[in-house]
Amino acid sequence: MTDGRQRSAPRILLSEDSDLWRELLKGDPEPLVREAIFAVAEDQGFAVDLDTEVSVTLTDDAEVREVNKEWRGKDKPTNVLSFPMAELEPGDEPGPLLGDLVLAAETCGREAAEEGKTPSDHVRHLIVHGMLHLLGFDHETDEDAEDMESTEIRILAGLGIADPYAESELSVATDGNARD
């Protein structure tokens, strides 16, 4: 932060439900999760003391598959699921509960390897992507997709992560948004 104040918004409830995450990220995932979420909060102009909360569950493919099946009718794992607590439009200020993100370790690790990315960069990208869904961004139309991708690219650049769309035609999390 440029003003020297400690960022406190949003509050993050992190649940690490699989030992695979520490192996994948070679350490504690909490700093990486916080960094990605706070980068989105800063980019989107959240006040440092905004009263909002996001829940992040780091789990495995089996659990994400069950959640995806129950809530979206898709019987398969995906990299990230986003469950917004309110229908927001980009730029809206979130209420007290922003929403939930659920990530699958095996899928995230496999995608990172296939795309030649570090797992930490790929996971931060997925958290940024999921957070933007919680904030009302989507990729349903070409225009919306371009807006969301340019926002992701800008946030990721601030984290020192290269444009994830520049080298690949792969679309990140196209089926992992509970808003679909």
C-alpha atoms as a PDB file:
ATOM      1  CA  MET A   1       0.000   0.000   0.000  1.00  0.00           C
ATOM      2  CA  THR A   2       1.259   3.406  -0.842  1.00  0.00           C
ATOM      3  CA  ASP A   3      -0.096   5.191   2.251  1.00  0.00           C
ATOM      4  CA  GLY A   4       1.685   2.859   4.702  1.00  0.00           C
ATOM      5  CA  ARG A   5      -1.498   1.613   6.396  1.00  0.00           C
ATOM      6  CA  GLN A   6      -1.930  -2.091   6.955  1.00  0.00           C
ATOM      7  CA  ARG A   7      -4.634  -3.440   4.640  1.00  0.00           C
ATOM      8  CA  SER A   8      -7.434  -5.070   6.622  1.00  0.00           C
ATOM      9  CA  ALA A   9     -10.121  -5.465   3.963  1.00  0.00           C
ATOM     10  CA  PRO A  10     -11.427  -7.859   3.076  1.00  0.00           C
ATOM     11  CA  ARG A  11     -11.248 -10.261   5.989  1.00  0.00           C
ATOM     12  CA  ILE A  12     -10.161 -13.659   4.729  1.00  0.00           C
ATOM     13  CA  LEU A  13     -11.399 -16.937   6.166  1.00  0.00           C
ATOM     14  CA  LEU A  14      -8.944 -19.515   4.865  1.00  0.00           C
ATOM     15  CA  SER A  15      -9.631 -23.233   5.147  1.00  0.00           C
ATOM     16  CA  GLU A  16      -6.882 -25.592   4.025  1.00  0.00           C
ATOM     17  CA  ASP A  17      -8.702 -28.906   3.640  1.00  0.00           C
ATOM     18  CA  SER A  18      -5.971 -30.832   1.804  1.00  0.00           C
ATOM     19  CA  ASP A  19      -2.304 -31.437   2.575  1.00  0.00           C
ATOM     20  CA  LEU A  20      -1.681 -31.280  -1.173  1.00  0.00           C
ATOM     21  CA  TRP A  21      -1.610 -27.472  -1.066  1.00  0.00           C
ATOM     22  CA  ARG A  22       1.574 -27.161   1.000  1.00  0.00           C
ATOM     23  CA  GLU A  23       3.300 -29.610  -1.307  1.00  0.00           C
ATOM     24  CA  LEU A  24       2.040 -27.847  -4.454  1.00  0.00           C
ATOM     25  CA  LEU A  25       3.023 -24.377  -3.227  1.00  0.00           C
ATOM     26  CA  LYS A  26       6.105 -25.535  -1.316  1.00  0.00           C
ATOM     27  CA  GLY A  27       4.945 -23.940   1.908  1.00  0.00           C
ATOM     28  CA  ASP A  28       2.131 -22.140   3.676  1.00  0.00           C
ATOM     29  CA  PRO A  29      -0.514 -20.978   1.175  1.00  0.00           C
ATOM     30  CA  GLU A  30      -1.842 -18.161   3.385  1.00  0.00           C
ATOM     31  CA  PRO A  31       0.578 -15.396   2.274  1.00  0.00           C
ATOM     32  CA  LEU A  32      -0.083 -16.200  -1.390  1.00  0.00           C
ATOM     33  CA  VAL A  33      -3.872 -16.150  -0.872  1.00  0.00           C
ATOM     34  CA  ARG A  34      -3.705 -12.860   1.034  1.00  0.00           C
ATOM     35  CA  GLU A  35      -1.448 -11.275  -1.575  1.00  0.00           C
ATOM     36  CA  ALA A  36      -3.808 -12.132  -4.440  1.00  0.00           C
ATOM     37  CA  ILE A  37      -6.962 -11.041  -2.607  1.00  0.00           C
ATOM     38  CA  PHE A  38      -5.466  -7.778  -1.386  1.00  0.00           C
ATOM     39  CA  ALA A  39      -4.182  -7.031  -4.913  1.00  0.00           C
ATOM     40  CA  VAL A  40      -7.769  -7.294  -6.177  1.00  0.00           C
ATOM     41  CA  ALA A  41      -9.055  -5.194  -3.262  1.00  0.00           C
ATOM     42  CA  GLU A  42      -6.520  -2.462  -3.943  1.00  0.00           C
ATOM     43  CA  ASP A  43      -7.127  -2.507  -7.707  1.00  0.00           C
ATOM     44  CA  GLN A  44     -10.874  -2.286  -7.185  1.00  0.00           C
ATOM     45  CA  GLY A  45     -10.565   0.601  -4.737  1.00  0.00           C
ATOM     46  CA  PHE A  46     -11.665  -1.125  -1.526  1.00  0.00           C
ATOM     47  CA  ALA A  47     -11.270   1.115   1.503  1.00  0.00           C
ATOM     48  CA  VAL A  48      -8.644  -0.285   3.865  1.00  0.00           C
ATOM     49  CA  ASP A  49     -11.304  -0.668   6.541  1.00  0.00           C
ATOM     50  CA  LEU A  50     -14.172  -1.901   4.305  1.00  0.00           C
ATOM     51  CA  ASP A  51     -16.300  -4.361   6.277  1.00  0.00           C
ATOM     52  CA  THR A  52     -16.443  -7.386   3.981  1.00  0.00           C
ATOM     53  CA  GLU A  53     -15.367 -10.995   4.168  1.00  0.00           C
ATOM     54  CA  VAL A  54     -14.303 -13.673   1.682  1.00  0.00           C
ATOM     55  CA  SER A  55     -14.004 -17.375   2.407  1.00  0.00           C
ATOM     56  CA  VAL A  56     -11.316 -19.386   0.599  1.00  0.00           C
ATOM     57  CA  THR A  57     -11.298 -23.180   0.742  1.00  0.00           C
ATOM     58  CA  LEU A  58      -8.226 -24.961  -0.547  1.00  0.00           C
ATOM     59  CA  THR A  59      -9.244 -28.546  -1.123  1.00  0.00           C
ATOM     60  CA  ASP A  60      -8.800 -31.410  -3.572  1.00  0.00           C
ATOM     61  CA  ASP A  61     -10.379 -32.531  -6.839  1.00  0.00           C
ATOM     62  CA  ALA A  62     -12.781 -34.950  -5.126  1.00  0.00           C
ATOM     63  CA  GLU A  63     -14.297 -32.224  -2.940  1.00  0.00           C
ATOM     64  CA  VAL A  64     -14.494 -29.675  -5.763  1.00  0.00           C
ATOM     65  CA  ARG A  65     -16.140 -32.301  -7.939  1.00  0.00           C
ATOM     66  CA  GLU A  66     -18.834 -32.822  -5.282  1.00  0.00           C
ATOM     67  CA  VAL A  67     -19.405 -29.082  -4.835  1.00  0.00           C
ATOM     68  CA  ASN A  68     -19.499 -28.562  -8.609  1.00  0.00           C
ATOM     69  CA  LYS A  69     -22.001 -31.411  -8.976  1.00  0.00           C
ATOM     70  CA  GLU A  70     -24.244 -30.207  -6.138  1.00  0.00           C
ATOM     71  CA  TRP A  71     -24.311 -26.503  -6.994  1.00  0.00           C
ATOM     72  CA  ARG A  72     -23.753 -26.423 -10.728  1.00  0.00           C
ATOM     73  CA  GLY A  73     -24.874 -29.848 -11.956  1.00  0.00           C
ATOM     74  CA  LYS A  74     -21.411 -30.558 -13.401  1.00  0.00           C
ATOM     75  CA  ASP A  75     -19.961 -33.879 -12.243  1.00  0.00           C
ATOM     76  CA  LYS A  76     -16.288 -32.989 -12.625  1.00  0.00           C
ATOM     77  CA  PRO A  77     -13.581 -31.088 -10.796  1.00  0.00           C
ATOM     78  CA  THR A  78     -12.517 -27.632 -11.926  1.00  0.00           C
ATOM     79  CA  ASN A  79      -9.771 -25.256 -10.851  1.00  0.00           C
ATOM     80  CA  VAL A  80     -11.782 -22.588  -8.999  1.00  0.00           C
ATOM     81  CA  LEU A  81     -15.415 -22.135  -8.057  1.00  0.00           C
ATOM     82  CA  SER A  82     -16.797 -18.716  -7.115  1.00  0.00           C
ATOM     83  CA  PHE A  83     -19.938 -18.294  -5.056  1.00  0.00           C
ATOM     84  CA  PRO A  84     -20.895 -14.615  -4.713  1.00  0.00           C
ATOM     85  CA  MET A  85     -23.133 -13.674  -1.796  1.00  0.00           C
ATOM     86  CA  ALA A  86     -24.773 -10.851  -3.747  1.00  0.00           C
ATOM     87  CA  GLU A  87     -25.291  -9.951  -7.374  1.00  0.00           C
ATOM     88  CA  LEU A  88     -22.784  -7.164  -7.905  1.00  0.00           C
ATOM     89  CA  GLU A  89     -21.779  -5.229 -10.978  1.00  0.00           C
ATOM     90  CA  PRO A  90     -18.114  -4.364 -11.463  1.00  0.00           C
ATOM     91  CA  GLY A  91     -17.403  -1.274  -9.378  1.00  0.00           C
ATOM     92  CA  ASP A  92     -20.118  -1.967  -6.783  1.00  0.00           C
ATOM     93  CA  GLU A  93     -19.014  -1.927  -3.161  1.00  0.00           C
ATOM     94  CA  PRO A  94     -19.499  -5.356  -1.594  1.00  0.00           C
ATOM     95  CA  GLY A  95     -21.579  -5.941   1.495  1.00  0.00           C
ATOM     96  CA  PRO A  96     -20.451  -7.703   4.664  1.00  0.00           C
ATOM     97  CA  LEU A  97     -20.164 -11.095   2.933  1.00  0.00           C
ATOM     98  CA  LEU A  98     -18.417 -11.012  -0.435  1.00  0.00           C
ATOM     99  CA  GLY A  99     -18.548 -14.753  -1.121  1.00  0.00           C
ATOM    100  CA  ASP A 100     -16.679 -18.037  -1.273  1.00  0.00           C
ATOM    101  CA  LEU A 101     -13.853 -19.372  -3.414  1.00  0.00           C
ATOM    102  CA  VAL A 102     -13.070 -23.099  -3.611  1.00  0.00           C
ATOM    103  CA  LEU A 103      -9.897 -24.338  -5.337  1.00  0.00           C
ATOM    104  CA  ALA A 104      -8.817 -27.879  -6.287  1.00  0.00           C
ATOM    105  CA  ALA A 105      -5.136 -28.704  -5.732  1.00  0.00           C
ATOM    106  CA  GLU A 106      -4.683 -31.437  -8.325  1.00  0.00           C
ATOM    107  CA  THR A 107      -6.381 -29.483 -11.110  1.00  0.00           C
ATOM    108  CA  CYS A 108      -4.428 -26.321 -10.283  1.00  0.00           C
ATOM    109  CA  GLY A 109      -1.147 -28.246 -10.242  1.00  0.00           C
ATOM    110  CA  ARG A 110      -1.867 -30.087 -13.474  1.00  0.00           C
ATOM    111  CA  GLU A 111      -2.876 -26.892 -15.302  1.00  0.00           C
ATOM    112  CA  ALA A 112       0.231 -25.052 -14.102  1.00  0.00           C
ATOM    113  CA  ALA A 113       2.448 -27.864 -15.413  1.00  0.00           C
ATOM    114  CA  GLU A 114       0.587 -28.065 -18.737  1.00  0.00           C
ATOM    115  CA  GLU A 115       0.812 -24.295 -19.225  1.00  0.00           C
ATOM    116  CA  GLY A 116       4.453 -24.003 -18.128  1.00  0.00           C
ATOM    117  CA  LYS A 117       3.613 -21.768 -15.170  1.00  0.00           C
ATOM    118  CA  THR A 118       4.693 -21.928 -11.559  1.00  0.00           C
ATOM    119  CA  PRO A 119       1.955 -23.290  -9.304  1.00  0.00           C
ATOM    120  CA  SER A 120       2.102 -20.144  -7.149  1.00  0.00           C
ATOM    121  CA  ASP A 121       1.577 -17.841 -10.160  1.00  0.00           C
ATOM    122  CA  HIS A 122      -1.259 -19.998 -11.490  1.00  0.00           C
ATOM    123  CA  VAL A 123      -3.000 -20.180  -8.111  1.00  0.00           C
ATOM    124  CA  ARG A 124      -2.707 -16.414  -7.607  1.00  0.00           C
ATOM    125  CA  HIS A 125      -4.224 -15.965 -11.081  1.00  0.00           C
ATOM    126  CA  LEU A 126      -7.123 -18.261 -10.186  1.00  0.00           C
ATOM    127  CA  ILE A 127      -7.736 -16.406  -6.922  1.00  0.00           C
ATOM    128  CA  VAL A 128      -7.740 -13.077  -8.786  1.00  0.00           C
ATOM    129  CA  HIS A 129     -10.092 -14.586 -11.384  1.00  0.00           C
ATOM    130  CA  GLY A 130     -12.418 -15.945  -8.692  1.00  0.00           C
ATOM    131  CA  MET A 131     -12.400 -12.681  -6.748  1.00  0.00           C
ATOM    132  CA  LEU A 132     -13.384 -10.766  -9.862  1.00  0.00           C
ATOM    133  CA  HIS A 133     -16.347 -13.125 -10.295  1.00  0.00           C
ATOM    134  CA  LEU A 134     -17.373 -12.353  -6.703  1.00  0.00           C
ATOM    135  CA  LEU A 135     -17.240  -8.669  -7.638  1.00  0.00           C
ATOM    136  CA  GLY A 136     -19.572  -9.086 -10.611  1.00  0.00           C
ATOM    137  CA  PHE A 137     -17.127  -9.596 -13.465  1.00  0.00           C
ATOM    138  CA  ASP A 138     -17.854 -12.385 -15.937  1.00  0.00           C
ATOM    139  CA  HIS A 139     -16.866 -13.655 -19.357  1.00  0.00           C
ATOM    140  CA  GLU A 140     -20.270 -14.387 -20.869  1.00  0.00           C
ATOM    141  CA  THR A 141     -19.863 -11.948 -23.755  1.00  0.00           C
ATOM    142  CA  ASP A 142     -16.741 -11.013 -25.706  1.00  0.00           C
ATOM    143  CA  GLU A 143     -16.872  -7.497 -24.276  1.00  0.00           C
ATOM    144  CA  ASP A 144     -17.233  -8.752 -20.695  1.00  0.00           C
ATOM    145  CA  ALA A 145     -14.432 -11.277 -21.237  1.00  0.00           C
ATOM    146  CA  GLU A 146     -12.105  -8.572 -22.569  1.00  0.00           C
ATOM    147  CA  ASP A 147     -12.897  -6.324 -19.585  1.00  0.00           C
ATOM    148  CA  MET A 148     -12.335  -9.145 -17.105  1.00  0.00           C
ATOM    149  CA  GLU A 149      -9.121 -10.327 -18.768  1.00  0.00           C
ATOM    150  CA  SER A 150      -7.654  -6.819 -18.941  1.00  0.00           C
ATOM    151  CA  THR A 151      -8.453  -6.342 -15.246  1.00  0.00           C
ATOM    152  CA  GLU A 152      -6.809  -9.684 -14.416  1.00  0.00           C
ATOM    153  CA  ILE A 153      -3.733  -8.833 -16.504  1.00  0.00           C
ATOM    154  CA  ARG A 154      -3.353  -5.453 -14.749  1.00  0.00           C
ATOM    155  CA  ILE A 155      -3.676  -6.989 -11.256  1.00  0.00           C
ATOM    156  CA  LEU A 156      -1.337  -9.862 -12.077  1.00  0.00           C
ATOM    157  CA  ALA A 157       1.261  -7.474 -13.532  1.00  0.00           C
ATOM    158  CA  GLY A 158       1.252  -5.703 -10.161  1.00  0.00           C
ATOM    159  CA  LEU A 159       2.091  -9.065  -8.601  1.00  0.00           C
ATOM    160  CA  GLY A 160       4.915  -9.637 -11.084  1.00  0.00           C
ATOM    161  CA  ILE A 161       2.988 -12.309 -12.996  1.00  0.00           C
ATOM    162  CA  ALA A 162       3.124 -12.347 -16.799  1.00  0.00           C
ATOM    163  CA  ASP A 163      -0.031 -12.041 -18.894  1.00  0.00           C
ATOM    164  CA  PRO A 164      -1.590 -15.516 -18.599  1.00  0.00           C
ATOM    165  CA  TYR A 165      -3.516 -15.052 -21.850  1.00  0.00           C
ATOM    166  CA  ALA A 166      -0.568 -13.981 -24.018  1.00  0.00           C
ATOM    167  CA  GLU A 167       0.952 -17.409 -24.554  1.00  0.00           C
ATOM    168  CA  SER A 168      -2.098 -19.606 -24.702  1.00  0.00           C
ATOM    169  CA  GLU A 169      -5.564 -19.865 -26.137  1.00  0.00           C
ATOM    170  CA  LEU A 170      -6.588 -21.708 -22.963  1.00  0.00           C
ATOM    171  CA  SER A 171      -9.314 -19.993 -21.047  1.00  0.00           C
ATOM    172  CA  VAL A 172      -8.941 -19.977 -17.283  1.00  0.00           C
ATOM    173  CA  ALA A 173     -11.877 -21.139 -15.205  1.00  0.00           C
ATOM    174  CA  THR A 174     -14.402 -20.893 -18.002  1.00  0.00           C
ATOM    175  CA  ASP A 175     -16.511 -23.531 -16.328  1.00  0.00           C
ATOM    176  CA  GLY A 176     -15.603 -22.762 -12.730  1.00  0.00           C
ATOM    177  CA  ASN A 177     -17.895 -19.865 -11.980  1.00  0.00           C
ATOM    178  CA  ALA A 178     -21.006 -20.625  -9.985  1.00  0.00           C
ATOM    179  CA  ARG A 179     -22.601 -17.601 -11.672  1.00  0.00           C
ATOM    180  CA  ASP A 180     -22.716 -19.509 -15.016  1.00  0.00           C
END
